[in-house]
């Protein structure tokens, strides 16, 4: 929870625990950035396999927003990881969350503007 709240910067909307949560899970609901879209994170008592294709992509409004997100993580001692070439071509930065899933910080709003690669004539 702290990773997504404190480092990624998602607003924490609600937490729940096993005694009061759905089906006995602990978890949290984050805004993306508000209640119009949300991200729910639940805990597991057992290890959960992580696939290389599991990514959480956060489309941010420009390079400044991407850089602010990257700065929070690097100042906390985390190092970016090499994402798929598509994300490299689109000026995105990836980090691993505590479970080993990639969190991609993309510097454009999907569906509202061309990707950086499209602007560069790459794709």
N, C-alpha and C. Protein backbone atom coordinates (compact mmCIF):
# COMPACT_ATOMS: atom_id res chain seq x y z
N UNK A 1 0.82 -1.18 0.00
CA UNK A 1 0.00 0.00 0.00
C UNK A 1 0.87 1.26 0.00
N UNK A 2 1.92 1.26 0.81
CA UNK A 2 2.78 2.44 0.89
C UNK A 2 3.45 2.73 -0.45
N UNK A 3 3.81 1.70 -1.21
CA UNK A 3 4.44 1.90 -2.51
C UNK A 3 3.53 2.73 -3.41
N UNK A 4 2.29 2.32 -3.55
CA UNK A 4 1.37 3.02 -4.45
C UNK A 4 0.92 4.36 -3.90
N UNK A 5 0.79 4.48 -2.59
CA UNK A 5 0.37 5.75 -2.00
C UNK A 5 1.52 6.75 -1.95
N UNK A 6 2.64 6.34 -1.34
CA UNK A 6 3.72 7.29 -1.05
C UNK A 6 4.68 7.50 -2.22
N UNK A 7 4.96 6.45 -2.97
CA UNK A 7 5.96 6.57 -4.03
C UNK A 7 5.33 6.81 -5.40
N UNK A 8 4.32 6.03 -5.75
CA UNK A 8 3.65 6.24 -7.04
C UNK A 8 2.81 7.52 -6.97
N UNK A 9 2.26 7.80 -5.80
CA UNK A 9 1.51 9.04 -5.62
C UNK A 9 0.02 8.91 -5.87
N UNK A 10 -0.51 7.68 -5.86
CA UNK A 10 -1.95 7.51 -6.05
C UNK A 10 -2.69 7.89 -4.77
N UNK A 11 -3.80 8.61 -4.89
CA UNK A 11 -4.56 8.95 -3.69
C UNK A 11 -5.26 7.71 -3.11
N UNK A 12 -5.07 7.48 -1.85
CA UNK A 12 -5.70 6.37 -1.14
C UNK A 12 -7.12 6.77 -0.78
N UNK A 13 -8.10 6.04 -1.32
CA UNK A 13 -9.50 6.36 -1.09
C UNK A 13 -10.11 5.57 0.07
N UNK A 14 -9.67 4.30 0.22
CA UNK A 14 -10.28 3.44 1.22
C UNK A 14 -9.36 2.27 1.51
N UNK A 15 -9.32 1.86 2.78
CA UNK A 15 -8.65 0.60 3.13
C UNK A 15 -9.69 -0.31 3.77
N UNK A 16 -9.46 -1.60 3.68
CA UNK A 16 -10.33 -2.57 4.33
C UNK A 16 -9.47 -3.70 4.86
N UNK A 17 -9.98 -4.39 5.88
CA UNK A 17 -9.23 -5.48 6.47
C UNK A 17 -10.03 -6.77 6.39
N UNK A 18 -9.38 -7.86 6.72
CA UNK A 18 -9.99 -9.19 6.59
C UNK A 18 -11.27 -9.30 7.40
N UNK A 19 -11.33 -8.65 8.53
CA UNK A 19 -12.51 -8.75 9.38
C UNK A 19 -13.71 -8.04 8.77
N UNK A 20 -13.44 -7.00 7.97
CA UNK A 20 -14.53 -6.19 7.43
C UNK A 20 -14.55 -6.11 5.90
N UNK A 21 -13.53 -6.67 5.26
CA UNK A 21 -13.42 -6.55 3.81
C UNK A 21 -14.13 -7.66 3.08
N UNK A 22 -14.16 -7.57 1.77
CA UNK A 22 -14.82 -8.59 0.96
C UNK A 22 -14.08 -9.92 1.01
N UNK A 23 -14.78 -10.97 1.32
CA UNK A 23 -14.24 -12.33 1.33
C UNK A 23 -13.00 -12.50 2.20
N UNK A 24 -12.84 -11.69 3.23
CA UNK A 24 -11.75 -11.87 4.17
C UNK A 24 -10.40 -11.37 3.70
N UNK A 25 -10.36 -10.41 2.79
CA UNK A 25 -9.09 -9.87 2.29
C UNK A 25 -8.76 -8.54 2.96
N UNK A 26 -7.46 -8.26 3.07
CA UNK A 26 -7.00 -6.93 3.41
C UNK A 26 -6.76 -6.22 2.08
N UNK A 27 -6.99 -4.92 2.04
CA UNK A 27 -6.74 -4.24 0.78
C UNK A 27 -6.92 -2.75 0.85
N UNK A 28 -6.77 -2.14 -0.30
CA UNK A 28 -6.88 -0.69 -0.42
C UNK A 28 -7.41 -0.36 -1.81
N UNK A 29 -8.11 0.76 -1.89
CA UNK A 29 -8.60 1.28 -3.16
C UNK A 29 -7.98 2.65 -3.38
N UNK A 30 -7.37 2.81 -4.53
CA UNK A 30 -6.69 4.05 -4.90
C UNK A 30 -7.46 4.74 -6.02
N UNK A 31 -7.43 6.06 -6.04
CA UNK A 31 -8.04 6.82 -7.12
C UNK A 31 -7.09 6.98 -8.27
N UNK A 32 -7.65 7.01 -9.46
CA UNK A 32 -6.85 7.21 -10.68
C UNK A 32 -7.35 8.43 -11.45
N UNK A 33 -7.27 9.61 -11.01
CA UNK A 33 -6.79 10.07 -9.71
C UNK A 33 -7.89 10.23 -8.68
N UNK A 34 -9.15 9.96 -9.09
CA UNK A 34 -10.27 10.12 -8.15
C UNK A 34 -11.18 8.91 -8.29
N UNK A 35 -12.42 9.03 -7.85
CA UNK A 35 -13.33 7.89 -7.90
C UNK A 35 -13.87 7.58 -9.30
N UNK A 36 -13.56 8.41 -10.31
CA UNK A 36 -14.03 8.11 -11.66
C UNK A 36 -13.35 6.87 -12.23
N UNK A 37 -12.16 6.55 -11.75
CA UNK A 37 -11.47 5.29 -12.06
C UNK A 37 -10.66 4.93 -10.83
N UNK A 38 -10.68 3.65 -10.48
CA UNK A 38 -9.98 3.23 -9.27
C UNK A 38 -9.13 2.00 -9.52
N UNK A 39 -8.20 1.77 -8.63
CA UNK A 39 -7.30 0.63 -8.65
C UNK A 39 -7.41 -0.03 -7.28
N UNK A 40 -7.72 -1.31 -7.25
CA UNK A 40 -7.86 -2.01 -5.98
C UNK A 40 -6.70 -2.97 -5.81
N UNK A 41 -6.12 -2.96 -4.64
CA UNK A 41 -4.99 -3.81 -4.30
C UNK A 41 -5.41 -4.67 -3.11
N UNK A 42 -5.29 -5.99 -3.25
CA UNK A 42 -5.64 -6.88 -2.15
C UNK A 42 -4.44 -7.74 -1.79
N UNK A 43 -4.39 -8.16 -0.55
CA UNK A 43 -3.28 -8.98 -0.09
C UNK A 43 -3.60 -10.45 -0.29
N UNK A 44 -2.56 -11.25 -0.26
CA UNK A 44 -2.71 -12.69 -0.37
C UNK A 44 -1.82 -13.33 0.68
N UNK A 45 -2.34 -14.35 1.33
CA UNK A 45 -1.55 -15.07 2.34
C UNK A 45 -0.52 -15.98 1.68
N UNK A 46 -0.73 -16.28 0.40
CA UNK A 46 0.16 -17.17 -0.34
C UNK A 46 0.87 -16.41 -1.44
N UNK A 47 2.05 -16.86 -1.84
CA UNK A 47 2.75 -16.20 -2.95
C UNK A 47 1.90 -16.27 -4.23
N UNK A 48 1.96 -15.20 -4.99
CA UNK A 48 1.24 -15.13 -6.26
C UNK A 48 2.27 -14.98 -7.37
N UNK A 49 2.20 -15.85 -8.36
CA UNK A 49 3.14 -15.79 -9.48
C UNK A 49 2.95 -14.49 -10.26
N UNK A 50 4.06 -13.91 -10.67
CA UNK A 50 4.03 -12.68 -11.46
C UNK A 50 4.50 -13.00 -12.87
N UNK A 51 3.72 -12.59 -13.84
CA UNK A 51 4.06 -12.78 -15.24
C UNK A 51 4.71 -11.51 -15.78
N UNK A 52 5.66 -11.65 -16.68
CA UNK A 52 6.37 -10.50 -17.27
C UNK A 52 5.41 -9.53 -17.96
N UNK A 53 4.25 -10.01 -18.39
CA UNK A 53 3.31 -9.17 -19.11
C UNK A 53 2.35 -8.40 -18.19
N UNK A 54 2.47 -8.60 -16.89
CA UNK A 54 1.59 -7.87 -15.96
C UNK A 54 2.19 -6.50 -15.72
N UNK A 55 1.49 -5.50 -16.22
CA UNK A 55 1.94 -4.12 -16.09
C UNK A 55 0.77 -3.25 -15.65
N UNK A 56 1.08 -2.29 -14.83
CA UNK A 56 0.13 -1.23 -14.53
C UNK A 56 0.68 0.00 -15.24
N UNK A 57 -0.05 0.50 -16.21
CA UNK A 57 0.40 1.65 -16.99
C UNK A 57 -0.36 2.88 -16.53
N UNK A 58 0.38 3.88 -16.11
CA UNK A 58 -0.20 5.15 -15.70
C UNK A 58 0.13 6.18 -16.77
N UNK A 59 -0.90 6.61 -17.50
CA UNK A 59 -0.74 7.63 -18.53
C UNK A 59 -0.84 8.98 -17.85
N UNK A 60 0.24 9.74 -17.91
CA UNK A 60 0.34 11.00 -17.19
C UNK A 60 0.35 12.17 -18.17
N UNK A 61 -0.06 13.35 -17.70
CA UNK A 61 -0.16 14.50 -18.58
C UNK A 61 1.19 15.17 -18.87
N UNK A 62 2.04 14.48 -19.61
CA UNK A 62 3.28 15.08 -20.08
C UNK A 62 4.53 14.63 -19.35
N UNK A 63 5.68 15.02 -19.91
CA UNK A 63 6.98 14.63 -19.34
C UNK A 63 7.20 15.14 -17.92
N UNK A 64 6.67 16.30 -17.59
CA UNK A 64 6.88 16.84 -16.24
C UNK A 64 6.23 15.94 -15.20
N UNK A 65 5.02 15.46 -15.47
CA UNK A 65 4.33 14.56 -14.53
C UNK A 65 5.07 13.23 -14.44
N UNK A 66 5.55 12.72 -15.58
CA UNK A 66 6.34 11.48 -15.56
C UNK A 66 7.60 11.68 -14.73
N UNK A 67 8.29 12.79 -14.96
CA UNK A 67 9.53 13.05 -14.23
C UNK A 67 9.31 13.19 -12.73
N UNK A 68 8.20 13.78 -12.33
CA UNK A 68 7.90 13.92 -10.90
C UNK A 68 7.68 12.54 -10.27
N UNK A 69 6.97 11.67 -10.98
CA UNK A 69 6.75 10.30 -10.48
C UNK A 69 8.07 9.55 -10.39
N UNK A 70 8.89 9.65 -11.42
CA UNK A 70 10.19 8.97 -11.44
C UNK A 70 11.07 9.48 -10.30
N UNK A 71 11.04 10.77 -10.08
CA UNK A 71 11.87 11.37 -9.01
C UNK A 71 11.48 10.81 -7.64
N UNK A 72 10.19 10.66 -7.36
CA UNK A 72 9.76 10.10 -6.07
C UNK A 72 10.34 8.71 -5.86
N UNK A 73 10.32 7.89 -6.90
CA UNK A 73 10.81 6.52 -6.76
C UNK A 73 12.33 6.46 -6.67
N UNK A 74 13.03 7.24 -7.49
CA UNK A 74 14.49 7.20 -7.44
C UNK A 74 15.01 7.79 -6.13
N UNK A 75 14.34 8.83 -5.61
CA UNK A 75 14.75 9.40 -4.32
C UNK A 75 14.54 8.40 -3.18
N UNK A 76 13.64 7.45 -3.38
CA UNK A 76 13.41 6.40 -2.38
C UNK A 76 14.38 5.23 -2.56
N UNK A 77 15.30 5.35 -3.53
CA UNK A 77 16.32 4.33 -3.74
C UNK A 77 15.97 3.27 -4.76
N UNK A 78 14.85 3.43 -5.46
CA UNK A 78 14.48 2.46 -6.49
C UNK A 78 15.13 2.82 -7.82
N UNK A 79 15.36 1.81 -8.62
CA UNK A 79 16.01 1.99 -9.92
C UNK A 79 15.05 1.56 -11.03
N UNK A 80 14.94 2.36 -12.08
CA UNK A 80 14.09 1.94 -13.19
C UNK A 80 14.57 0.61 -13.79
N UNK A 81 13.62 -0.12 -14.37
CA UNK A 81 13.94 -1.37 -15.06
C UNK A 81 13.71 -1.17 -16.55
N UNK A 82 14.29 -2.05 -17.35
CA UNK A 82 14.15 -1.95 -18.80
C UNK A 82 12.78 -2.47 -19.22
N UNK A 83 11.93 -1.60 -19.74
CA UNK A 83 10.62 -2.05 -20.20
C UNK A 83 10.69 -2.55 -21.64
N UNK A 84 9.56 -3.01 -22.14
CA UNK A 84 9.48 -3.38 -23.55
C UNK A 84 9.86 -2.19 -24.42
N UNK A 85 10.33 -2.47 -25.63
CA UNK A 85 10.78 -1.42 -26.54
C UNK A 85 9.68 -0.40 -26.83
N UNK A 86 8.43 -0.84 -26.88
CA UNK A 86 7.33 0.11 -27.10
C UNK A 86 7.37 1.24 -26.09
N UNK A 87 7.59 0.91 -24.83
CA UNK A 87 7.62 1.93 -23.79
C UNK A 87 8.85 2.81 -23.90
N UNK A 88 9.98 2.22 -24.28
CA UNK A 88 11.20 3.01 -24.51
C UNK A 88 10.95 4.02 -25.63
N UNK A 89 10.38 3.54 -26.75
CA UNK A 89 10.09 4.41 -27.89
C UNK A 89 9.14 5.54 -27.52
N UNK A 90 8.34 5.32 -26.48
CA UNK A 90 7.35 6.31 -26.07
C UNK A 90 7.74 7.05 -24.80
N UNK A 91 9.06 7.13 -24.54
CA UNK A 91 9.61 7.95 -23.46
C UNK A 91 9.03 7.61 -22.09
N UNK A 92 8.68 6.35 -21.89
CA UNK A 92 8.11 5.90 -20.63
C UNK A 92 9.19 5.31 -19.74
N UNK A 93 8.91 5.27 -18.45
CA UNK A 93 9.86 4.75 -17.47
C UNK A 93 9.14 3.68 -16.65
N UNK A 94 9.83 2.58 -16.36
CA UNK A 94 9.23 1.47 -15.63
C UNK A 94 9.99 1.20 -14.33
N UNK A 95 9.23 0.81 -13.32
CA UNK A 95 9.77 0.36 -12.04
C UNK A 95 9.03 -0.92 -11.67
N UNK A 96 9.63 -1.71 -10.79
CA UNK A 96 8.94 -2.88 -10.26
C UNK A 96 8.26 -2.52 -8.95
N UNK A 97 7.02 -2.97 -8.79
CA UNK A 97 6.35 -2.78 -7.51
C UNK A 97 6.85 -3.85 -6.55
N UNK A 98 6.46 -3.83 -5.28
CA UNK A 98 6.99 -4.81 -4.32
C UNK A 98 6.69 -6.27 -4.67
N UNK A 99 5.70 -6.51 -5.51
CA UNK A 99 5.39 -7.88 -5.93
C UNK A 99 6.11 -8.28 -7.21
N UNK A 100 6.84 -7.35 -7.83
CA UNK A 100 7.58 -7.66 -9.04
C UNK A 100 6.86 -7.33 -10.33
N UNK A 101 5.73 -6.64 -10.25
CA UNK A 101 5.02 -6.22 -11.45
C UNK A 101 5.54 -4.86 -11.89
N UNK A 102 5.56 -4.67 -13.21
CA UNK A 102 6.03 -3.38 -13.72
C UNK A 102 4.96 -2.31 -13.59
N UNK A 103 5.38 -1.15 -13.15
CA UNK A 103 4.54 0.04 -13.16
C UNK A 103 5.19 0.97 -14.18
N UNK A 104 4.44 1.29 -15.23
CA UNK A 104 4.93 2.10 -16.34
C UNK A 104 4.40 3.52 -16.19
N UNK A 105 5.27 4.49 -16.27
CA UNK A 105 4.88 5.90 -16.25
C UNK A 105 5.02 6.44 -17.67
N UNK A 106 3.88 6.62 -18.33
CA UNK A 106 3.84 7.06 -19.72
C UNK A 106 3.50 8.56 -19.78
N UNK A 107 4.25 9.34 -20.56
CA UNK A 107 4.07 10.79 -20.54
C UNK A 107 3.06 11.33 -21.57
N UNK A 108 1.94 10.66 -21.72
CA UNK A 108 0.87 11.19 -22.58
C UNK A 108 -0.45 10.61 -22.12
N UNK A 109 -1.52 11.26 -22.46
CA UNK A 109 -2.84 10.78 -22.09
C UNK A 109 -3.36 9.91 -23.23
N UNK A 110 -3.52 8.65 -22.95
CA UNK A 110 -3.96 7.68 -23.95
C UNK A 110 -5.31 8.09 -24.54
N UNK A 111 -5.38 8.04 -25.86
CA UNK A 111 -6.62 8.34 -26.56
C UNK A 111 -6.93 9.80 -26.75
N UNK A 112 -6.13 10.67 -26.15
CA UNK A 112 -6.39 12.10 -26.27
C UNK A 112 -5.30 12.84 -27.04
N UNK A 113 -4.15 12.20 -27.20
CA UNK A 113 -3.05 12.84 -27.90
C UNK A 113 -2.17 11.75 -28.51
N UNK A 114 -1.39 12.10 -29.52
CA UNK A 114 -0.49 11.10 -30.11
C UNK A 114 0.58 10.67 -29.11
N UNK A 115 1.06 9.45 -29.29
CA UNK A 115 2.14 8.97 -28.44
C UNK A 115 3.43 9.70 -28.81
N UNK A 116 4.41 9.72 -27.92
CA UNK A 116 5.69 10.31 -28.29
C UNK A 116 6.30 9.66 -29.54
N UNK A 117 6.16 8.33 -29.68
CA UNK A 117 6.69 7.65 -30.86
C UNK A 117 5.99 8.14 -32.13
N UNK A 118 4.69 8.36 -32.07
CA UNK A 118 3.98 8.88 -33.25
C UNK A 118 4.47 10.26 -33.60
N UNK A 119 4.72 11.08 -32.59
CA UNK A 119 5.22 12.44 -32.85
C UNK A 119 6.62 12.41 -33.45
N UNK A 120 7.41 11.38 -33.10
CA UNK A 120 8.77 11.24 -33.63
C UNK A 120 8.76 10.51 -34.99
N UNK A 121 7.59 10.01 -35.40
CA UNK A 121 7.50 9.27 -36.65
C UNK A 121 7.99 7.85 -36.56
N UNK A 122 8.05 7.27 -35.34
CA UNK A 122 8.54 5.91 -35.16
C UNK A 122 7.45 4.86 -35.34
N UNK A 123 6.23 5.19 -34.98
CA UNK A 123 5.12 4.21 -35.04
C UNK A 123 3.86 4.89 -35.50
